[in-house]
Amino acid sequence: MLPERVLAYPVALRRLSVGDATRVQRLAGEREVAEMTGLIPHPYPDGAAEEFIAMQGRDWATGKEYSYAIAASDEALVGVVSLRPAAIERENLGYWIGRPYWGRGYASAALRAMIALGFGLLDVEKLTASHLARNPASGRVMEKCGMRPLETGERDHRGAIEAFCVRGITRDDWEQGSAR
């Protein structure tokens, strides 16, 4: 089981709560944010944030997926990061950051913490994440966290075929990098 709260300067990761729904809808619902993800709908429907948060609570309880609110120093949600121990339908890791908070290191800190949790507390040997090829900023976040390119390919994205990049890191690579 993963901890309820993790400090990962400059952010804190904490369990999502119903009180986060308004910020999730506002931040994730922006076209620029939703467009860069594979799962966030746009326009963001009313009630979808509450449903997402409830689903995350159920997934957490079963160990299927662990999602955290990425919170700035004032505890306000600025994004979400998720870890799926088994990469069955998609990669293990996913994240989004609200547009007003881009470029502040929040995604890198959150992803780095999730990788540490995955290897430190769960029985996984490799973690993967993907990004749209036209979103190199997300690729740089993954690279800063030690994730190497694994493959490129095309997938359906919102009804159109788009180029994707998959990156990954093994437990051995993480242990060697974190020992420095």
N, C-alpha and C. Protein backbone atom coordinates (compact mmCIF):
# COMPACT_ATOMS: atom_id res chain seq x y z
N MET A 1 0.85 -1.18 0.00
CA MET A 1 0.00 0.00 0.00
C MET A 1 0.89 1.24 0.00
N LEU A 2 0.49 2.23 -0.72
CA LEU A 2 1.26 3.47 -0.81
C LEU A 2 0.80 4.46 0.26
N PRO A 3 1.67 5.38 0.63
CA PRO A 3 1.30 6.37 1.65
C PRO A 3 0.23 7.34 1.16
N GLU A 4 -0.48 7.92 2.09
CA GLU A 4 -1.55 8.89 1.78
C GLU A 4 -0.97 10.22 1.31
N ARG A 5 0.24 10.53 1.76
CA ARG A 5 0.85 11.83 1.47
C ARG A 5 2.35 11.64 1.28
N VAL A 6 2.89 12.36 0.29
CA VAL A 6 4.32 12.28 -0.01
C VAL A 6 4.82 13.70 -0.26
N LEU A 7 5.90 14.08 0.38
CA LEU A 7 6.52 15.37 0.12
C LEU A 7 7.58 15.19 -0.96
N ALA A 8 7.48 15.99 -2.01
CA ALA A 8 8.40 15.89 -3.15
C ALA A 8 8.66 17.32 -3.63
N TYR A 9 9.53 18.02 -2.93
CA TYR A 9 9.76 19.44 -3.22
C TYR A 9 9.85 19.69 -4.72
N PRO A 10 9.14 20.66 -5.25
CA PRO A 10 8.38 21.74 -4.63
C PRO A 10 6.89 21.45 -4.45
N VAL A 11 6.52 20.16 -4.49
CA VAL A 11 5.11 19.81 -4.35
C VAL A 11 4.92 18.79 -3.24
N ALA A 12 3.68 18.62 -2.86
CA ALA A 12 3.26 17.52 -2.00
C ALA A 12 2.26 16.70 -2.79
N LEU A 13 2.36 15.42 -2.69
CA LEU A 13 1.37 14.53 -3.30
C LEU A 13 0.45 14.07 -2.19
N ARG A 14 -0.84 14.14 -2.44
CA ARG A 14 -1.82 13.73 -1.44
C ARG A 14 -2.99 13.04 -2.14
N ARG A 15 -3.72 12.26 -1.40
CA ARG A 15 -4.89 11.59 -1.96
C ARG A 15 -5.87 12.64 -2.50
N LEU A 16 -6.51 12.30 -3.59
CA LEU A 16 -7.56 13.17 -4.14
C LEU A 16 -8.77 13.14 -3.22
N SER A 17 -9.47 14.27 -3.13
CA SER A 17 -10.69 14.34 -2.33
C SER A 17 -11.78 15.02 -3.15
N VAL A 18 -13.01 14.85 -2.74
CA VAL A 18 -14.14 15.47 -3.43
C VAL A 18 -13.95 16.99 -3.50
N GLY A 19 -13.28 17.56 -2.51
CA GLY A 19 -13.02 19.00 -2.52
C GLY A 19 -12.13 19.45 -3.66
N ASP A 20 -11.46 18.50 -4.33
CA ASP A 20 -10.60 18.83 -5.48
C ASP A 20 -11.37 18.91 -6.79
N ALA A 21 -12.62 18.49 -6.79
CA ALA A 21 -13.37 18.35 -8.05
C ALA A 21 -13.44 19.64 -8.85
N THR A 22 -13.68 20.76 -8.22
CA THR A 22 -13.80 22.02 -8.96
C THR A 22 -12.50 22.37 -9.66
N ARG A 23 -11.37 22.20 -8.97
CA ARG A 23 -10.08 22.51 -9.59
C ARG A 23 -9.72 21.49 -10.68
N VAL A 24 -10.04 20.22 -10.46
CA VAL A 24 -9.79 19.21 -11.50
C VAL A 24 -10.56 19.59 -12.75
N GLN A 25 -11.83 19.91 -12.61
CA GLN A 25 -12.64 20.25 -13.78
C GLN A 25 -12.10 21.51 -14.48
N ARG A 26 -11.75 22.52 -13.69
CA ARG A 26 -11.27 23.78 -14.29
C ARG A 26 -9.92 23.60 -14.97
N LEU A 27 -8.97 22.96 -14.30
CA LEU A 27 -7.62 22.85 -14.84
C LEU A 27 -7.52 21.79 -15.94
N ALA A 28 -8.06 20.60 -15.69
CA ALA A 28 -7.98 19.52 -16.69
C ALA A 28 -8.88 19.82 -17.87
N GLY A 29 -9.92 20.62 -17.65
CA GLY A 29 -10.86 20.93 -18.72
C GLY A 29 -10.35 21.93 -19.75
N GLU A 30 -9.22 22.57 -19.48
CA GLU A 30 -8.68 23.50 -20.48
C GLU A 30 -8.22 22.71 -21.70
N ARG A 31 -8.56 23.21 -22.88
CA ARG A 31 -8.23 22.50 -24.12
C ARG A 31 -6.75 22.14 -24.20
N GLU A 32 -5.86 23.07 -23.85
CA GLU A 32 -4.42 22.82 -23.97
C GLU A 32 -3.96 21.67 -23.08
N VAL A 33 -4.61 21.48 -21.95
CA VAL A 33 -4.25 20.39 -21.04
C VAL A 33 -4.85 19.09 -21.55
N ALA A 34 -6.15 19.07 -21.76
CA ALA A 34 -6.85 17.86 -22.19
C ALA A 34 -6.28 17.32 -23.50
N GLU A 35 -5.97 18.19 -24.42
CA GLU A 35 -5.49 17.79 -25.74
C GLU A 35 -4.18 16.99 -25.66
N MET A 36 -3.37 17.24 -24.66
CA MET A 36 -2.08 16.55 -24.55
C MET A 36 -2.17 15.22 -23.82
N THR A 37 -3.37 14.85 -23.37
CA THR A 37 -3.55 13.58 -22.67
C THR A 37 -4.38 12.63 -23.52
N GLY A 38 -4.30 11.37 -23.18
CA GLY A 38 -5.09 10.39 -23.89
C GLY A 38 -6.46 10.15 -23.26
N LEU A 39 -6.66 10.61 -22.03
CA LEU A 39 -7.86 10.23 -21.31
C LEU A 39 -8.77 11.37 -20.88
N ILE A 40 -8.30 12.58 -20.80
CA ILE A 40 -9.13 13.68 -20.31
C ILE A 40 -10.04 14.16 -21.43
N PRO A 41 -11.35 14.15 -21.20
CA PRO A 41 -12.28 14.59 -22.25
C PRO A 41 -12.28 16.12 -22.39
N HIS A 42 -12.59 16.56 -23.58
CA HIS A 42 -12.80 18.00 -23.81
C HIS A 42 -13.95 18.16 -24.78
N PRO A 43 -14.96 18.94 -24.46
CA PRO A 43 -15.11 19.68 -23.21
C PRO A 43 -15.31 18.73 -22.04
N TYR A 44 -14.90 19.18 -20.86
CA TYR A 44 -14.95 18.37 -19.65
C TYR A 44 -16.39 18.41 -19.11
N PRO A 45 -17.07 17.26 -19.09
CA PRO A 45 -18.49 17.27 -18.69
C PRO A 45 -18.71 17.56 -17.21
N ASP A 46 -19.81 18.21 -16.90
CA ASP A 46 -20.18 18.43 -15.51
C ASP A 46 -20.31 17.09 -14.81
N GLY A 47 -19.79 16.99 -13.58
CA GLY A 47 -19.86 15.76 -12.81
C GLY A 47 -18.73 14.79 -13.08
N ALA A 48 -17.98 15.01 -14.15
CA ALA A 48 -16.90 14.07 -14.50
C ALA A 48 -15.77 14.08 -13.47
N ALA A 49 -15.48 15.22 -12.89
CA ALA A 49 -14.40 15.29 -11.89
C ALA A 49 -14.78 14.49 -10.65
N GLU A 50 -16.00 14.63 -10.19
CA GLU A 50 -16.46 13.86 -9.03
C GLU A 50 -16.41 12.35 -9.33
N GLU A 51 -16.83 11.98 -10.53
CA GLU A 51 -16.79 10.57 -10.93
C GLU A 51 -15.35 10.06 -10.99
N PHE A 52 -14.45 10.86 -11.56
CA PHE A 52 -13.03 10.49 -11.64
C PHE A 52 -12.46 10.28 -10.23
N ILE A 53 -12.74 11.19 -9.32
CA ILE A 53 -12.21 11.10 -7.96
C ILE A 53 -12.77 9.87 -7.24
N ALA A 54 -14.04 9.59 -7.41
CA ALA A 54 -14.63 8.39 -6.80
C ALA A 54 -14.01 7.13 -7.37
N MET A 55 -13.79 7.10 -8.68
CA MET A 55 -13.17 5.94 -9.32
C MET A 55 -11.75 5.75 -8.80
N GLN A 56 -11.02 6.84 -8.60
CA GLN A 56 -9.66 6.73 -8.09
C GLN A 56 -9.65 6.14 -6.69
N GLY A 57 -10.64 6.49 -5.88
CA GLY A 57 -10.74 5.90 -4.54
C GLY A 57 -10.96 4.40 -4.60
N ARG A 58 -11.81 3.94 -5.53
CA ARG A 58 -12.05 2.50 -5.69
C ARG A 58 -10.80 1.80 -6.21
N ASP A 59 -10.14 2.42 -7.20
CA ASP A 59 -8.93 1.81 -7.77
C ASP A 59 -7.82 1.72 -6.73
N TRP A 60 -7.71 2.75 -5.88
CA TRP A 60 -6.70 2.75 -4.81
C TRP A 60 -6.95 1.57 -3.88
N ALA A 61 -8.20 1.37 -3.49
CA ALA A 61 -8.55 0.30 -2.55
C ALA A 61 -8.22 -1.08 -3.09
N THR A 62 -8.31 -1.27 -4.41
CA THR A 62 -8.02 -2.57 -5.02
C THR A 62 -6.57 -2.70 -5.47
N GLY A 63 -5.80 -1.61 -5.40
CA GLY A 63 -4.41 -1.65 -5.85
C GLY A 63 -4.25 -1.58 -7.35
N LYS A 64 -5.32 -1.26 -8.06
CA LYS A 64 -5.27 -1.16 -9.52
C LYS A 64 -4.53 0.10 -9.98
N GLU A 65 -4.78 1.21 -9.29
CA GLU A 65 -4.17 2.49 -9.67
C GLU A 65 -4.11 3.38 -8.43
N TYR A 66 -3.00 4.11 -8.33
CA TYR A 66 -2.81 5.05 -7.23
C TYR A 66 -2.66 6.45 -7.84
N SER A 67 -3.63 7.31 -7.57
CA SER A 67 -3.59 8.67 -8.09
C SER A 67 -3.45 9.64 -6.94
N TYR A 68 -2.62 10.64 -7.16
CA TYR A 68 -2.39 11.68 -6.17
C TYR A 68 -2.69 13.05 -6.77
N ALA A 69 -3.22 13.92 -5.94
CA ALA A 69 -3.28 15.33 -6.29
C ALA A 69 -1.86 15.86 -6.16
N ILE A 70 -1.42 16.61 -7.14
CA ILE A 70 -0.15 17.32 -7.05
C ILE A 70 -0.50 18.68 -6.48
N ALA A 71 0.00 18.97 -5.29
CA ALA A 71 -0.38 20.20 -4.60
C ALA A 71 0.83 21.12 -4.46
N ALA A 72 0.58 22.40 -4.71
CA ALA A 72 1.60 23.42 -4.51
C ALA A 72 1.71 23.72 -3.02
N SER A 73 2.56 24.64 -2.67
CA SER A 73 2.81 24.94 -1.26
C SER A 73 1.55 25.37 -0.50
N ASP A 74 0.57 25.93 -1.20
CA ASP A 74 -0.66 26.34 -0.52
C ASP A 74 -1.69 25.20 -0.44
N GLU A 75 -1.26 23.98 -0.81
CA GLU A 75 -2.09 22.78 -0.79
C GLU A 75 -3.13 22.73 -1.90
N ALA A 76 -3.18 23.73 -2.77
CA ALA A 76 -4.13 23.72 -3.88
C ALA A 76 -3.65 22.76 -4.96
N LEU A 77 -4.58 21.99 -5.51
CA LEU A 77 -4.27 21.05 -6.57
C LEU A 77 -3.80 21.80 -7.81
N VAL A 78 -2.67 21.36 -8.39
CA VAL A 78 -2.16 21.94 -9.64
C VAL A 78 -2.14 20.89 -10.75
N GLY A 79 -2.38 19.63 -10.39
CA GLY A 79 -2.38 18.55 -11.36
C GLY A 79 -2.63 17.22 -10.67
N VAL A 80 -2.48 16.15 -11.44
CA VAL A 80 -2.68 14.79 -10.93
C VAL A 80 -1.60 13.90 -11.52
N VAL A 81 -1.12 12.95 -10.72
CA VAL A 81 -0.16 11.94 -11.18
C VAL A 81 -0.68 10.58 -10.75
N SER A 82 -0.53 9.58 -11.62
CA SER A 82 -1.06 8.24 -11.35
C SER A 82 -0.04 7.17 -11.64
N LEU A 83 -0.13 6.10 -10.88
CA LEU A 83 0.73 4.93 -11.04
C LEU A 83 -0.16 3.69 -11.08
N ARG A 84 -0.02 2.93 -12.16
CA ARG A 84 -0.71 1.65 -12.30
C ARG A 84 0.36 0.57 -12.19
N PRO A 85 0.33 -0.27 -11.13
CA PRO A 85 1.36 -1.30 -10.97
C PRO A 85 1.46 -2.23 -12.18
N ALA A 86 0.34 -2.52 -12.82
CA ALA A 86 0.34 -3.36 -14.02
C ALA A 86 -0.03 -2.50 -15.23
N ALA A 87 0.86 -2.49 -16.22
CA ALA A 87 0.62 -1.72 -17.44
C ALA A 87 -0.12 -2.61 -18.43
N ILE A 88 -1.41 -2.77 -18.22
CA ILE A 88 -2.18 -3.69 -19.05
C ILE A 88 -2.73 -2.99 -20.29
N GLU A 89 -3.59 -1.98 -20.10
CA GLU A 89 -4.20 -1.29 -21.23
C GLU A 89 -3.39 -0.08 -21.69
N ARG A 90 -2.59 0.47 -20.80
CA ARG A 90 -1.75 1.62 -21.13
C ARG A 90 -0.55 1.58 -20.20
N GLU A 91 0.31 2.54 -20.34
CA GLU A 91 1.54 2.54 -19.57
C GLU A 91 1.26 2.70 -18.06
N ASN A 92 2.31 2.51 -17.25
CA ASN A 92 2.17 2.55 -15.79
C ASN A 92 1.92 3.94 -15.23
N LEU A 93 2.54 4.94 -15.82
CA LEU A 93 2.53 6.28 -15.24
C LEU A 93 1.80 7.27 -16.14
N GLY A 94 1.09 8.19 -15.52
CA GLY A 94 0.44 9.26 -16.26
C GLY A 94 0.34 10.48 -15.37
N TYR A 95 0.28 11.64 -15.99
CA TYR A 95 0.19 12.88 -15.22
C TYR A 95 -0.32 14.00 -16.10
N TRP A 96 -0.83 15.02 -15.44
CA TRP A 96 -1.16 16.28 -16.12
C TRP A 96 -0.97 17.41 -15.11
N ILE A 97 -0.64 18.57 -15.63
CA ILE A 97 -0.45 19.77 -14.82
C ILE A 97 -1.32 20.86 -15.44
N GLY A 98 -2.02 21.62 -14.61
CA GLY A 98 -2.82 22.74 -15.10
C GLY A 98 -1.94 23.78 -15.78
N ARG A 99 -2.44 24.34 -16.86
CA ARG A 99 -1.65 25.28 -17.68
C ARG A 99 -1.01 26.42 -16.90
N PRO A 100 -1.68 27.03 -15.91
CA PRO A 100 -1.02 28.13 -15.19
C PRO A 100 0.23 27.68 -14.42
N TYR A 101 0.42 26.36 -14.28
CA TYR A 101 1.52 25.84 -13.47
C TYR A 101 2.61 25.16 -14.29
N TRP A 102 2.51 25.24 -15.61
CA TRP A 102 3.53 24.64 -16.47
C TRP A 102 4.87 25.34 -16.25
N GLY A 103 5.94 24.58 -16.42
CA GLY A 103 7.29 25.14 -16.38
C GLY A 103 7.84 25.43 -14.99
N ARG A 104 7.20 24.90 -13.95
CA ARG A 104 7.65 25.17 -12.58
C ARG A 104 8.32 23.96 -11.92
N GLY A 105 8.48 22.87 -12.66
CA GLY A 105 9.11 21.68 -12.11
C GLY A 105 8.16 20.76 -11.36
N TYR A 106 6.87 21.05 -11.36
CA TYR A 106 5.91 20.25 -10.62
C TYR A 106 5.77 18.84 -11.21
N ALA A 107 5.71 18.72 -12.52
CA ALA A 107 5.55 17.41 -13.14
C ALA A 107 6.78 16.54 -12.88
N SER A 108 7.96 17.11 -13.00
CA SER A 108 9.19 16.34 -12.76
C SER A 108 9.26 15.85 -11.32
N ALA A 109 8.94 16.71 -10.37
CA ALA A 109 8.98 16.32 -8.96
C ALA A 109 7.97 15.21 -8.68
N ALA A 110 6.76 15.36 -9.21
CA ALA A 110 5.71 14.37 -8.97
C ALA A 110 6.05 13.03 -9.62
N LEU A 111 6.54 13.06 -10.86
CA LEU A 111 6.87 11.81 -11.55
C LEU A 111 8.05 11.12 -10.87
N ARG A 112 9.04 11.88 -10.48
CA ARG A 112 10.20 11.32 -9.77
C ARG A 112 9.73 10.60 -8.48
N ALA A 113 8.82 11.23 -7.75
CA ALA A 113 8.29 10.62 -6.52
C ALA A 113 7.51 9.34 -6.82
N MET A 114 6.72 9.34 -7.88
CA MET A 114 5.94 8.15 -8.22
C MET A 114 6.84 6.99 -8.64
N ILE A 115 7.90 7.30 -9.35
CA ILE A 115 8.86 6.26 -9.72
C ILE A 115 9.48 5.66 -8.46
N ALA A 116 9.87 6.51 -7.53
CA ALA A 116 10.45 6.03 -6.27
C ALA A 116 9.45 5.17 -5.50
N LEU A 117 8.18 5.57 -5.45
CA LEU A 117 7.15 4.78 -4.78
C LEU A 117 6.97 3.43 -5.48
N GLY A 118 6.93 3.46 -6.79
CA GLY A 118 6.73 2.22 -7.55
C GLY A 118 7.83 1.20 -7.29
N PHE A 119 9.06 1.65 -7.35
CA PHE A 119 10.17 0.74 -7.14
C PHE A 119 10.44 0.47 -5.66
N GLY A 120 10.17 1.46 -4.81
CA GLY A 120 10.45 1.30 -3.40
C GLY A 120 9.41 0.50 -2.63
N LEU A 121 8.15 0.58 -3.06
CA LEU A 121 7.08 -0.04 -2.28
C LEU A 121 6.24 -1.08 -3.02
N LEU A 122 6.38 -1.15 -4.33
CA LEU A 122 5.59 -2.11 -5.10
C LEU A 122 6.51 -3.09 -5.81
N ASP A 123 5.99 -4.22 -6.15
CA ASP A 123 6.77 -5.26 -6.80
C ASP A 123 6.73 -5.08 -8.32
N VAL A 124 7.35 -4.02 -8.81
CA VAL A 124 7.43 -3.79 -10.26
C VAL A 124 8.91 -3.74 -10.65
N GLU A 125 9.19 -4.19 -11.84
CA GLU A 125 10.58 -4.20 -12.33
C GLU A 125 10.82 -3.14 -13.39
N LYS A 126 9.74 -2.62 -13.97
CA LYS A 126 9.87 -1.61 -15.03
C LYS A 126 8.64 -0.71 -14.98
N LEU A 127 8.86 0.58 -15.20
CA LEU A 127 7.76 1.54 -15.28
C LEU A 127 7.84 2.25 -16.61
N THR A 128 6.68 2.48 -17.21
CA THR A 128 6.61 3.13 -18.51
C THR A 128 5.62 4.29 -18.49
N ALA A 129 5.81 5.19 -19.42
CA ALA A 129 4.90 6.32 -19.63
C ALA A 129 4.97 6.69 -21.10
N SER A 130 3.93 7.35 -21.60
CA SER A 130 3.94 7.77 -23.00
C SER A 130 3.56 9.23 -23.11
N HIS A 131 3.94 9.81 -24.24
CA HIS A 131 3.55 11.19 -24.54
C HIS A 131 3.38 11.34 -26.04
N LEU A 132 2.57 12.30 -26.41
CA LEU A 132 2.43 12.62 -27.83
C LEU A 132 3.76 13.13 -28.36
N ALA A 133 4.13 12.74 -29.54
CA ALA A 133 5.40 13.20 -30.12
C ALA A 133 5.41 14.73 -30.23
N ARG A 134 4.24 15.34 -30.41
CA ARG A 134 4.18 16.80 -30.53
C ARG A 134 4.19 17.50 -29.17
N ASN A 135 4.41 16.73 -28.10
CA ASN A 135 4.51 17.30 -26.77
C ASN A 135 5.90 16.99 -26.18
N PRO A 136 6.94 17.60 -26.74
CA PRO A 136 8.30 17.29 -26.27
C PRO A 136 8.53 17.69 -24.82
N ALA A 137 7.77 18.64 -24.28
CA ALA A 137 7.95 19.02 -22.87
C ALA A 137 7.69 17.83 -21.96
N SER A 138 6.68 17.02 -22.27
CA SER A 138 6.40 15.84 -21.46
C SER A 138 7.54 14.83 -21.58
N GLY A 139 8.10 14.71 -22.76
CA GLY A 139 9.26 13.83 -22.95
C GLY A 139 10.45 14.28 -22.12
N ARG A 140 10.65 15.60 -22.01
CA ARG A 140 11.75 16.12 -21.19
C ARG A 140 11.53 15.82 -19.71
N VAL A 141 10.27 15.91 -19.26
CA VAL A 141 9.96 15.56 -17.87
C VAL A 141 10.39 14.11 -17.62
N MET A 142 9.99 13.21 -18.50
CA MET A 142 10.32 11.79 -18.34
C MET A 142 11.83 11.57 -18.39
N GLU A 143 12.50 12.25 -19.30
CA GLU A 143 13.95 12.13 -19.42
C GLU A 143 14.64 12.58 -18.13
N LYS A 144 14.19 13.70 -17.55
CA LYS A 144 14.78 14.18 -16.29
C LYS A 144 14.61 13.18 -15.16
N CYS A 145 13.59 12.33 -15.28
CA CYS A 145 13.33 11.32 -14.25
C CYS A 145 14.01 9.98 -14.56
N GLY A 146 14.88 9.98 -15.55
CA GLY A 146 15.65 8.77 -15.88
C GLY A 146 14.99 7.83 -16.85
N MET A 147 13.87 8.23 -17.45
CA MET A 147 13.16 7.35 -18.38
C MET A 147 13.78 7.47 -19.77
N ARG A 148 14.06 6.33 -20.35
CA ARG A 148 14.69 6.27 -21.68
C ARG A 148 13.66 5.93 -22.75
N PRO A 149 13.91 6.37 -23.99
CA PRO A 149 12.99 6.01 -25.08
C PRO A 149 12.96 4.50 -25.28
N LEU A 150 11.76 3.95 -25.42
CA LEU A 150 11.58 2.52 -25.66
C LEU A 150 11.06 2.25 -27.06
N GLU A 151 10.07 3.05 -27.46
CA GLU A 151 9.50 2.84 -28.79
C GLU A 151 8.71 4.07 -29.20
N THR A 152 8.51 4.18 -30.49
CA THR A 152 7.61 5.19 -31.04
C THR A 152 6.60 4.45 -31.90
N GLY A 153 5.47 5.05 -32.06
CA GLY A 153 4.44 4.42 -32.86
C GLY A 153 3.27 5.36 -33.03
N GLU A 154 2.23 4.85 -33.62
CA GLU A 154 1.03 5.64 -33.83
C GLU A 154 -0.13 4.99 -33.11
N ARG A 155 -1.01 5.85 -32.57
CA ARG A 155 -2.20 5.40 -31.86
C ARG A 155 -3.34 6.34 -32.21
N ASP A 156 -4.54 5.82 -32.00
CA ASP A 156 -5.69 6.69 -32.13
C ASP A 156 -5.70 7.68 -30.97
N HIS A 157 -5.87 8.94 -31.29
CA HIS A 157 -5.94 9.98 -30.27
C HIS A 157 -7.04 10.94 -30.67
N ARG A 158 -8.16 10.83 -29.98
CA ARG A 158 -9.31 11.70 -30.23
C ARG A 158 -9.81 11.61 -31.67
N GLY A 159 -9.81 10.38 -32.19
CA GLY A 159 -10.34 10.16 -33.52
C GLY A 159 -9.36 10.36 -34.66
N ALA A 160 -8.11 10.66 -34.35
CA ALA A 160 -7.09 10.83 -35.39
C ALA A 160 -5.86 10.00 -34.99
N ILE A 161 -5.11 9.58 -35.98
CA ILE A 161 -3.88 8.83 -35.71
C ILE A 161 -2.77 9.83 -35.37
N GLU A 162 -2.10 9.62 -34.24
CA GLU A 162 -1.04 10.51 -33.77
C GLU A 162 0.20 9.70 -33.42
N ALA A 163 1.34 10.32 -33.55
CA ALA A 163 2.61 9.71 -33.16
C ALA A 163 2.77 9.81 -31.64
N PHE A 164 3.14 8.69 -31.03
CA PHE A 164 3.37 8.61 -29.59
C PHE A 164 4.79 8.12 -29.34
N CYS A 165 5.33 8.49 -28.21
CA CYS A 165 6.62 8.01 -27.76
C CYS A 165 6.41 7.33 -26.40
N VAL A 166 6.97 6.15 -26.24
CA VAL A 166 6.91 5.43 -24.97
C VAL A 166 8.30 5.44 -24.37
N ARG A 167 8.38 5.80 -23.09
CA ARG A 167 9.64 5.82 -22.35
C ARG A 167 9.51 4.90 -21.16
N GLY A 168 10.65 4.44 -20.65
CA GLY A 168 10.61 3.56 -19.49
C GLY A 168 11.88 3.61 -18.68
N ILE A 169 11.78 3.03 -17.50
CA ILE A 169 12.93 2.91 -16.61
C ILE A 169 12.79 1.58 -15.88
N THR A 170 13.90 0.88 -15.72
CA THR A 170 13.89 -0.37 -14.98
C THR A 170 14.29 -0.12 -13.54
N ARG A 171 13.96 -1.09 -12.70
CA ARG A 171 14.36 -1.00 -11.30
C ARG A 171 15.88 -0.87 -11.18
N ASP A 172 16.62 -1.67 -11.95
CA ASP A 172 18.08 -1.61 -11.90
C ASP A 172 18.60 -0.23 -12.27
N ASP A 173 18.07 0.33 -13.36
CA ASP A 173 18.51 1.67 -13.78
C ASP A 173 18.18 2.72 -12.72
N TRP A 174 16.99 2.61 -12.12
CA TRP A 174 16.59 3.55 -11.08
C TRP A 174 17.50 3.43 -9.87
N GLU A 175 17.79 2.19 -9.45
CA GLU A 175 18.66 1.99 -8.28
C GLU A 175 20.06 2.54 -8.53
N GLN A 176 20.58 2.34 -9.72
CA GLN A 176 21.92 2.88 -10.05
C GLN A 176 21.90 4.40 -10.07
N GLY A 177 20.84 4.99 -10.63
CA GLY A 177 20.75 6.44 -10.70
C GLY A 177 20.47 7.09 -9.36
N SER A 178 19.68 6.42 -8.52
CA SER A 178 19.33 7.03 -7.23
C SER A 178 20.44 6.85 -6.21
N ALA A 179 21.40 6.00 -6.50
CA ALA A 179 22.51 5.80 -5.55
C ALA A 179 23.55 6.93 -5.66
N ARG A 180 23.47 7.73 -6.73
CA ARG A 180 24.46 8.80 -6.94
C ARG A 180 24.17 10.01 -6.13
